[in-house]
Every structure is written in structure tokens, then in C-alpha cells.
Amino acid sequence: MDVKVVRSYKGKGTKELQAFIQPGTAHYILKYEGGGELPEELSGVYTSISLVDEAVLRYISNSKDDSKKKSISKEEE
């Protein structure tokens, strides 16, 4: 069975997040291109691609906010 990528997302890291339809279901799942462990907030199944979009965009946005906070903290030290 050939599993096709429905959508890809590029975040801060080097690996792309890819959305697939879970075989045998109508649910979407996320995986990193080339494998790897997903963050807890992205694990699980989604019932629509729009919910996948929301989760990934929220994760990417929060990751950027966290990196800004870390760089500000380092500058203050």
C-alpha cells in the first residue's frame, strides 16, 4: 500500500512535517520526513486537514515564540 503525503510543512528545523491519511481510516496523522519523534502536541490523529493545519501552525508559532524568549533571556544575562 502506497501512502501519499497530503501536505508538507516547513518549520524551524531541518525536517519537514508531513500529513498523511492513516491507512484503513479517514484520519490524518503527522510524521517527520525521514522519521523522528513528534512533539506531544502534534501526536495523535486529526479528522480534517484544516485541524492539521491549525495544529502545525500553532506549533510553529509557539516554537518561534519560545526561541525569541530564550534569546532575550540570554541577552539579559
PDB file of N, CA and C in Angstrom:
ATOM      1  N   MET A   1       0.844  -1.185   0.000  1.00  0.00           N
ATOM      2  CA  MET A   1       0.000   0.000   0.000  1.00  0.00           C
ATOM      3  C   MET A   1       0.884   1.241   0.000  1.00  0.00           C
ATOM      4  N   ASP A   2       0.639   2.123  -0.959  1.00  0.00           N
ATOM      5  CA  ASP A   2       1.431   3.340  -1.097  1.00  0.00           C
ATOM      6  C   ASP A   2       0.738   4.476  -0.339  1.00  0.00           C
ATOM      7  N   VAL A   3       1.452   5.073   0.608  1.00  0.00           N
ATOM      8  CA  VAL A   3       0.898   6.165   1.395  1.00  0.00           C
ATOM      9  C   VAL A   3       1.429   7.474   0.813  1.00  0.00           C
ATOM     10  N   LYS A   4       0.504   8.361   0.436  1.00  0.00           N
ATOM     11  CA  LYS A   4       0.889   9.629  -0.181  1.00  0.00           C
ATOM     12  C   LYS A   4       0.838  10.762   0.827  1.00  0.00           C
ATOM     13  N   VAL A   5       1.768  11.687   0.674  1.00  0.00           N
ATOM     14  CA  VAL A   5       1.806  12.892   1.501  1.00  0.00           C
ATOM     15  C   VAL A   5       0.671  13.801   1.037  1.00  0.00           C
ATOM     16  N   VAL A   6      -0.190  14.199   1.974  1.00  0.00           N
ATOM     17  CA  VAL A   6      -1.296  15.101   1.659  1.00  0.00           C
ATOM     18  C   VAL A   6      -0.806  16.545   1.678  1.00  0.00           C
ATOM     19  N   ARG A   7       0.029  16.870   2.668  1.00  0.00           N
ATOM     20  CA  ARG A   7       0.542  18.232   2.812  1.00  0.00           C
ATOM     21  C   ARG A   7       1.859  18.197   3.573  1.00  0.00           C
ATOM     22  N   SER A   8       2.768  19.121   3.245  1.00  0.00           N
ATOM     23  CA  SER A   8       4.048  19.239   3.939  1.00  0.00           C
ATOM     24  C   SER A   8       4.165  20.620   4.560  1.00  0.00           C
ATOM     25  N   TYR A   9       4.866  20.667   5.694  1.00  0.00           N
ATOM     26  CA  TYR A   9       5.044  21.919   6.427  1.00  0.00           C
ATOM     27  C   TYR A   9       6.524  22.076   6.755  1.00  0.00           C
ATOM     28  N   LYS A  10       7.055  23.268   6.541  1.00  0.00           N
ATOM     29  CA  LYS A  10       8.443  23.551   6.867  1.00  0.00           C
ATOM     30  C   LYS A  10       8.478  24.416   8.117  1.00  0.00           C
ATOM     31  N   GLY A  11       9.112  23.916   9.144  1.00  0.00           N
ATOM     32  CA  GLY A  11       9.232  24.667  10.390  1.00  0.00           C
ATOM     33  C   GLY A  11      10.634  25.200  10.556  1.00  0.00           C
ATOM     34  N   LYS A  12      11.023  25.420  11.797  1.00  0.00           N
ATOM     35  CA  LYS A  12      12.343  25.953  12.094  1.00  0.00           C
ATOM     36  C   LYS A  12      13.435  24.901  11.887  1.00  0.00           C
ATOM     37  N   GLY A  13      13.102  23.642  12.106  1.00  0.00           N
ATOM     38  CA  GLY A  13      14.077  22.558  11.985  1.00  0.00           C
ATOM     39  C   GLY A  13      14.399  22.229  10.544  1.00  0.00           C
ATOM     40  N   THR A  14      15.220  21.203  10.371  1.00  0.00           N
ATOM     41  CA  THR A  14      15.631  20.817   9.032  1.00  0.00           C
ATOM     42  C   THR A  14      14.680  19.821   8.393  1.00  0.00           C
ATOM     43  N   LYS A  15      13.884  19.123   9.213  1.00  0.00           N
ATOM     44  CA  LYS A  15      12.955  18.127   8.679  1.00  0.00           C
ATOM     45  C   LYS A  15      11.586  18.745   8.444  1.00  0.00           C
ATOM     46  N   GLU A  16      10.935  18.276   7.383  1.00  0.00           N
ATOM     47  CA  GLU A  16       9.580  18.724   7.106  1.00  0.00           C
ATOM     48  C   GLU A  16       8.584  17.863   7.850  1.00  0.00           C
ATOM     49  N   LEU A  17       7.510  18.471   8.317  1.00  0.00           N
ATOM     50  CA  LEU A  17       6.379  17.727   8.850  1.00  0.00           C
ATOM     51  C   LEU A  17       5.491  17.358   7.672  1.00  0.00           C
ATOM     52  N   GLN A  18       5.040  16.117   7.635  1.00  0.00           N
ATOM     53  CA  GLN A  18       4.204  15.679   6.541  1.00  0.00           C
ATOM     54  C   GLN A  18       2.910  15.085   7.078  1.00  0.00           C
ATOM     55  N   ALA A  19       1.797  15.459   6.446  1.00  0.00           N
ATOM     56  CA  ALA A  19       0.484  14.941   6.822  1.00  0.00           C
ATOM     57  C   ALA A  19       0.122  13.805   5.865  1.00  0.00           C
ATOM     58  N   PHE A  20      -0.340  12.706   6.437  1.00  0.00           N
ATOM     59  CA  PHE A  20      -0.776  11.535   5.685  1.00  0.00           C
ATOM     60  C   PHE A  20      -2.170  11.147   6.133  1.00  0.00           C
ATOM     61  N   ILE A  21      -2.886  10.409   5.285  1.00  0.00           N
ATOM     62  CA  ILE A  21      -4.117   9.775   5.742  1.00  0.00           C
ATOM     63  C   ILE A  21      -3.704   8.422   6.308  1.00  0.00           C
ATOM     64  N   GLN A  22      -4.094   8.160   7.550  1.00  0.00           N
ATOM     65  CA  GLN A  22      -3.738   6.911   8.210  1.00  0.00           C
ATOM     66  C   GLN A  22      -4.392   5.753   7.454  1.00  0.00           C
ATOM     67  N   PRO A  23      -3.601   4.764   7.022  1.00  0.00           N
ATOM     68  CA  PRO A  23      -4.151   3.646   6.253  1.00  0.00           C
ATOM     69  C   PRO A  23      -5.305   2.960   6.980  1.00  0.00           C
ATOM     70  N   GLY A  24      -6.354   2.681   6.227  1.00  0.00           N
ATOM     71  CA  GLY A  24      -7.509   1.982   6.767  1.00  0.00           C
ATOM     72  C   GLY A  24      -8.482   2.879   7.509  1.00  0.00           C
ATOM     73  N   THR A  25      -8.211   4.192   7.549  1.00  0.00           N
ATOM     74  CA  THR A  25      -9.100   5.135   8.244  1.00  0.00           C
ATOM     75  C   THR A  25      -9.273   6.378   7.380  1.00  0.00           C
ATOM     76  N   ALA A  26     -10.032   7.312   7.882  1.00  0.00           N
ATOM     77  CA  ALA A  26     -10.176   8.613   7.231  1.00  0.00           C
ATOM     78  C   ALA A  26      -9.481   9.691   8.053  1.00  0.00           C
ATOM     79  N   HIS A  27      -8.590   9.291   8.960  1.00  0.00           N
ATOM     80  CA  HIS A  27      -7.912  10.230   9.852  1.00  0.00           C
ATOM     81  C   HIS A  27      -6.542  10.619   9.303  1.00  0.00           C
ATOM     82  N   TYR A  28      -6.146  11.832   9.643  1.00  0.00           N
ATOM     83  CA  TYR A  28      -4.838  12.338   9.251  1.00  0.00           C
ATOM     84  C   TYR A  28      -3.858  12.160  10.406  1.00  0.00           C
ATOM     85  N   ILE A  29      -2.615  11.866  10.057  1.00  0.00           N
ATOM     86  CA  ILE A  29      -1.539  11.782  11.041  1.00  0.00           C
ATOM     87  C   ILE A  29      -0.356  12.589  10.520  1.00  0.00           C
ATOM     88  N   LEU A  30       0.519  12.966  11.433  1.00  0.00           N
ATOM     89  CA  LEU A  30       1.728  13.712  11.071  1.00  0.00           C
ATOM     90  C   LEU A  30       2.952  12.853  11.319  1.00  0.00           C
ATOM     91  N   LYS A  31       3.937  13.012  10.456  1.00  0.00           N
ATOM     92  CA  LYS A  31       5.240  12.359  10.616  1.00  0.00           C
ATOM     93  C   LYS A  31       6.299  13.325  10.132  1.00  0.00           C
ATOM     94  N   TYR A  32       7.514  13.161  10.668  1.00  0.00           N
ATOM     95  CA  TYR A  32       8.646  13.912  10.135  1.00  0.00           C
ATOM     96  C   TYR A  32       9.172  13.200   8.907  1.00  0.00           C
ATOM     97  N   GLU A  33       9.573  13.963   7.908  1.00  0.00           N
ATOM     98  CA  GLU A  33      10.209  13.392   6.736  1.00  0.00           C
ATOM     99  C   GLU A  33      11.489  12.687   7.192  1.00  0.00           C
ATOM    100  N   GLY A  34      11.647  11.453   6.847  1.00  0.00           N
ATOM    101  CA  GLY A  34      12.823  10.698   7.246  1.00  0.00           C
ATOM    102  C   GLY A  34      12.726  10.087   8.631  1.00  0.00           C
ATOM    103  N   GLY A  35      11.596  10.283   9.316  1.00  0.00           N
ATOM    104  CA  GLY A  35      11.389   9.693  10.642  1.00  0.00           C
ATOM    105  C   GLY A  35      11.787  10.622  11.766  1.00  0.00           C
ATOM    106  N   GLY A  36      11.484  10.217  12.961  1.00  0.00           N
ATOM    107  CA  GLY A  36      11.784  11.008  14.147  1.00  0.00           C
ATOM    108  C   GLY A  36      10.560  11.097  15.040  1.00  0.00           C
ATOM    109  N   GLU A  37      10.793  11.485  16.289  1.00  0.00           N
ATOM    110  CA  GLU A  37       9.713  11.567  17.261  1.00  0.00           C
ATOM    111  C   GLU A  37       9.019  12.925  17.183  1.00  0.00           C
ATOM    112  N   LEU A  38       7.708  12.870  17.085  1.00  0.00           N
ATOM    113  CA  LEU A  38       6.915  14.103  17.045  1.00  0.00           C
ATOM    114  C   LEU A  38       6.778  14.696  18.440  1.00  0.00           C
ATOM    115  N   PRO A  39       6.685  16.014  18.524  1.00  0.00           N
ATOM    116  CA  PRO A  39       6.361  16.640  19.809  1.00  0.00           C
ATOM    117  C   PRO A  39       4.970  16.173  20.257  1.00  0.00           C
ATOM    118  N   GLU A  40       4.756  16.145  21.553  1.00  0.00           N
ATOM    119  CA  GLU A  40       3.493  15.648  22.102  1.00  0.00           C
ATOM    120  C   GLU A  40       2.284  16.389  21.525  1.00  0.00           C
ATOM    121  N   GLU A  41       2.398  17.701  21.333  1.00  0.00           N
ATOM    122  CA  GLU A  41       1.257  18.472  20.857  1.00  0.00           C
ATOM    123  C   GLU A  41       0.873  18.171  19.410  1.00  0.00           C
ATOM    124  N   LEU A  42       1.714  17.444  18.679  1.00  0.00           N
ATOM    125  CA  LEU A  42       1.390  17.081  17.297  1.00  0.00           C
ATOM    126  C   LEU A  42       1.077  15.601  17.125  1.00  0.00           C
ATOM    127  N   SER A  43       1.233  14.818  18.175  1.00  0.00           N
ATOM    128  CA  SER A  43       0.940  13.393  18.061  1.00  0.00           C
ATOM    129  C   SER A  43      -0.568  13.184  18.106  1.00  0.00           C
ATOM    130  N   GLY A  44      -1.004  12.062  17.628  1.00  0.00           N
ATOM    131  CA  GLY A  44      -2.431  11.756  17.613  1.00  0.00           C
ATOM    132  C   GLY A  44      -2.982  11.773  16.209  1.00  0.00           C
ATOM    133  N   VAL A  45      -4.305  11.727  16.103  1.00  0.00           N
ATOM    134  CA  VAL A  45      -4.963  11.720  14.800  1.00  0.00           C
ATOM    135  C   VAL A  45      -5.873  12.937  14.672  1.00  0.00           C
ATOM    136  N   TYR A  46      -6.098  13.352  13.445  1.00  0.00           N
ATOM    137  CA  TYR A  46      -6.918  14.521  13.141  1.00  0.00           C
ATOM    138  C   TYR A  46      -8.018  14.108  12.172  1.00  0.00           C
ATOM    139  N   THR A  47      -9.184  14.713  12.303  1.00  0.00           N
ATOM    140  CA  THR A  47     -10.320  14.337  11.472  1.00  0.00           C
ATOM    141  C   THR A  47     -10.437  15.154  10.191  1.00  0.00           C
ATOM    142  N   SER A  48      -9.674  16.233  10.079  1.00  0.00           N
ATOM    143  CA  SER A  48      -9.692  17.023   8.845  1.00  0.00           C
ATOM    144  C   SER A  48      -8.332  17.681   8.639  1.00  0.00           C
ATOM    145  N   ILE A  49      -8.052  18.014   7.389  1.00  0.00           N
ATOM    146  CA  ILE A  49      -6.774  18.651   7.077  1.00  0.00           C
ATOM    147  C   ILE A  49      -6.719  20.050   7.679  1.00  0.00           C
ATOM    148  N   SER A  50      -7.867  20.710   7.848  1.00  0.00           N
ATOM    149  CA  SER A  50      -7.855  22.043   8.458  1.00  0.00           C
ATOM    150  C   SER A  50      -7.430  21.970   9.923  1.00  0.00           C
ATOM    151  N   LEU A  51      -7.794  20.885  10.625  1.00  0.00           N
ATOM    152  CA  LEU A  51      -7.329  20.713  12.006  1.00  0.00           C
ATOM    153  C   LEU A  51      -5.829  20.437  12.053  1.00  0.00           C
ATOM    154  N   VAL A  52      -5.321  19.730  11.060  1.00  0.00           N
ATOM    155  CA  VAL A  52      -3.874  19.504  10.956  1.00  0.00           C
ATOM    156  C   VAL A  52      -3.178  20.849  10.753  1.00  0.00           C
ATOM    157  N   ASP A  53      -3.703  21.661   9.828  1.00  0.00           N
ATOM    158  CA  ASP A  53      -3.132  22.990   9.567  1.00  0.00           C
ATOM    159  C   ASP A  53      -3.071  23.824  10.845  1.00  0.00           C
ATOM    160  N   GLU A  54      -4.172  23.864  11.575  1.00  0.00           N
ATOM    161  CA  GLU A  54      -4.222  24.643  12.815  1.00  0.00           C
ATOM    162  C   GLU A  54      -3.181  24.171  13.818  1.00  0.00           C
ATOM    163  N   ALA A  55      -3.082  22.859  14.011  1.00  0.00           N
ATOM    164  CA  ALA A  55      -2.142  22.310  14.991  1.00  0.00           C
ATOM    165  C   ALA A  55      -0.696  22.615  14.601  1.00  0.00           C
ATOM    166  N   VAL A  56      -0.369  22.434  13.339  1.00  0.00           N
ATOM    167  CA  VAL A  56       1.008  22.670  12.882  1.00  0.00           C
ATOM    168  C   VAL A  56       1.354  24.150  12.962  1.00  0.00           C
ATOM    169  N   LEU A  57       0.454  25.011  12.510  1.00  0.00           N
ATOM    170  CA  LEU A  57       0.732  26.446  12.559  1.00  0.00           C
ATOM    171  C   LEU A  57       0.867  26.938  13.993  1.00  0.00           C
ATOM    172  N   ARG A  58       0.042  26.419  14.908  1.00  0.00           N
ATOM    173  CA  ARG A  58       0.152  26.774  16.321  1.00  0.00           C
ATOM    174  C   ARG A  58       1.497  26.296  16.882  1.00  0.00           C
ATOM    175  N   TYR A  59       1.904  25.088  16.528  1.00  0.00           N
ATOM    176  CA  TYR A  59       3.182  24.542  16.995  1.00  0.00           C
ATOM    177  C   TYR A  59       4.350  25.385  16.475  1.00  0.00           C
ATOM    178  N   ILE A  60       4.334  25.711  15.191  1.00  0.00           N
ATOM    179  CA  ILE A  60       5.417  26.502  14.598  1.00  0.00           C
ATOM    180  C   ILE A  60       5.459  27.892  15.233  1.00  0.00           C
ATOM    181  N   SER A  61       4.292  28.489  15.432  1.00  0.00           N
ATOM    182  CA  SER A  61       4.218  29.809  16.055  1.00  0.00           C
ATOM    183  C   SER A  61       4.764  29.774  17.482  1.00  0.00           C
ATOM    184  N   ASN A  62       4.375  28.766  18.252  1.00  0.00           N
ATOM    185  CA  ASN A  62       4.861  28.637  19.623  1.00  0.00           C
ATOM    186  C   ASN A  62       6.357  28.360  19.655  1.00  0.00           C
ATOM    187  N   SER A  63       6.869  27.613  18.693  1.00  0.00           N
ATOM    188  CA  SER A  63       8.306  27.334  18.638  1.00  0.00           C
ATOM    189  C   SER A  63       9.087  28.616  18.393  1.00  0.00           C
ATOM    190  N   LYS A  64       8.583  29.462  17.509  1.00  0.00           N
ATOM    191  CA  LYS A  64       9.255  30.740  17.231  1.00  0.00           C
ATOM    192  C   LYS A  64       9.206  31.639  18.454  1.00  0.00           C
ATOM    193  N   ASP A  65       8.055  31.672  19.152  1.00  0.00           N
ATOM    194  CA  ASP A  65       7.938  32.474  20.367  1.00  0.00           C
ATOM    195  C   ASP A  65       8.912  31.996  21.428  1.00  0.00           C
ATOM    196  N   ASP A  66       9.048  30.666  21.596  1.00  0.00           N
ATOM    197  CA  ASP A  66       9.960  30.111  22.590  1.00  0.00           C
ATOM    198  C   ASP A  66      11.406  30.470  22.275  1.00  0.00           C
ATOM    199  N   SER A  67      11.786  30.422  20.994  1.00  0.00           N
ATOM    200  CA  SER A  67      13.170  30.743  20.643  1.00  0.00           C
ATOM    201  C   SER A  67      13.455  32.219  20.886  1.00  0.00           C
ATOM    202  N   LYS A  68      12.456  33.097  20.672  1.00  0.00           N
ATOM    203  CA  LYS A  68      12.645  34.526  20.950  1.00  0.00           C
ATOM    204  C   LYS A  68      12.829  34.753  22.447  1.00  0.00           C
ATOM    205  N   LYS A  69      12.027  34.049  23.256  1.00  0.00           N
ATOM    206  CA  LYS A  69      12.141  34.181  24.709  1.00  0.00           C
ATOM    207  C   LYS A  69      13.509  33.715  25.190  1.00  0.00           C
ATOM    208  N   LYS A  70      14.017  32.627  24.621  1.00  0.00           N
ATOM    209  CA  LYS A  70      15.327  32.114  25.016  1.00  0.00           C
ATOM    210  C   LYS A  70      16.424  33.101  24.655  1.00  0.00           C
ATOM    211  N   SER A  71      16.340  33.698  23.450  1.00  0.00           N
ATOM    212  CA  SER A  71      17.389  34.637  23.062  1.00  0.00           C
ATOM    213  C   SER A  71      17.326  35.910  23.897  1.00  0.00           C
ATOM    214  N   ILE A  72      16.153  36.348  24.280  1.00  0.00           N
ATOM    215  CA  ILE A  72      16.023  37.514  25.157  1.00  0.00           C
ATOM    216  C   ILE A  72      16.617  37.211  26.521  1.00  0.00           C
ATOM    217  N   SER A  73      16.343  36.024  27.049  1.00  0.00           N
ATOM    218  CA  SER A  73      16.874  35.625  28.355  1.00  0.00           C
ATOM    219  C   SER A  73      18.397  35.587  28.329  1.00  0.00           C
ATOM    220  N   LYS A  74      18.976  35.086  27.250  1.00  0.00           N
ATOM    221  CA  LYS A  74      20.435  35.013  27.146  1.00  0.00           C
ATOM    222  C   LYS A  74      21.047  36.408  27.078  1.00  0.00           C
ATOM    223  N   GLU A  75      20.381  37.332  26.388  1.00  0.00           N
ATOM    224  CA  GLU A  75      20.887  38.692  26.265  1.00  0.00           C
ATOM    225  C   GLU A  75      20.852  39.417  27.607  1.00  0.00           C
ATOM    226  N   GLU A  76      19.858  39.105  28.436  1.00  0.00           N
ATOM    227  CA  GLU A  76      19.720  39.755  29.733  1.00  0.00           C
ATOM    228  C   GLU A  76      20.773  39.295  30.726  1.00  0.00           C
ATOM    229  N   GLU A  77      21.324  38.109  30.525  1.00  0.00           N
ATOM    230  CA  GLU A  77      22.306  37.568  31.475  1.00  0.00           C
ATOM    231  C   GLU A  77      23.609  38.215  31.364  1.00  0.00           C
TER     232      GLU A  77
END
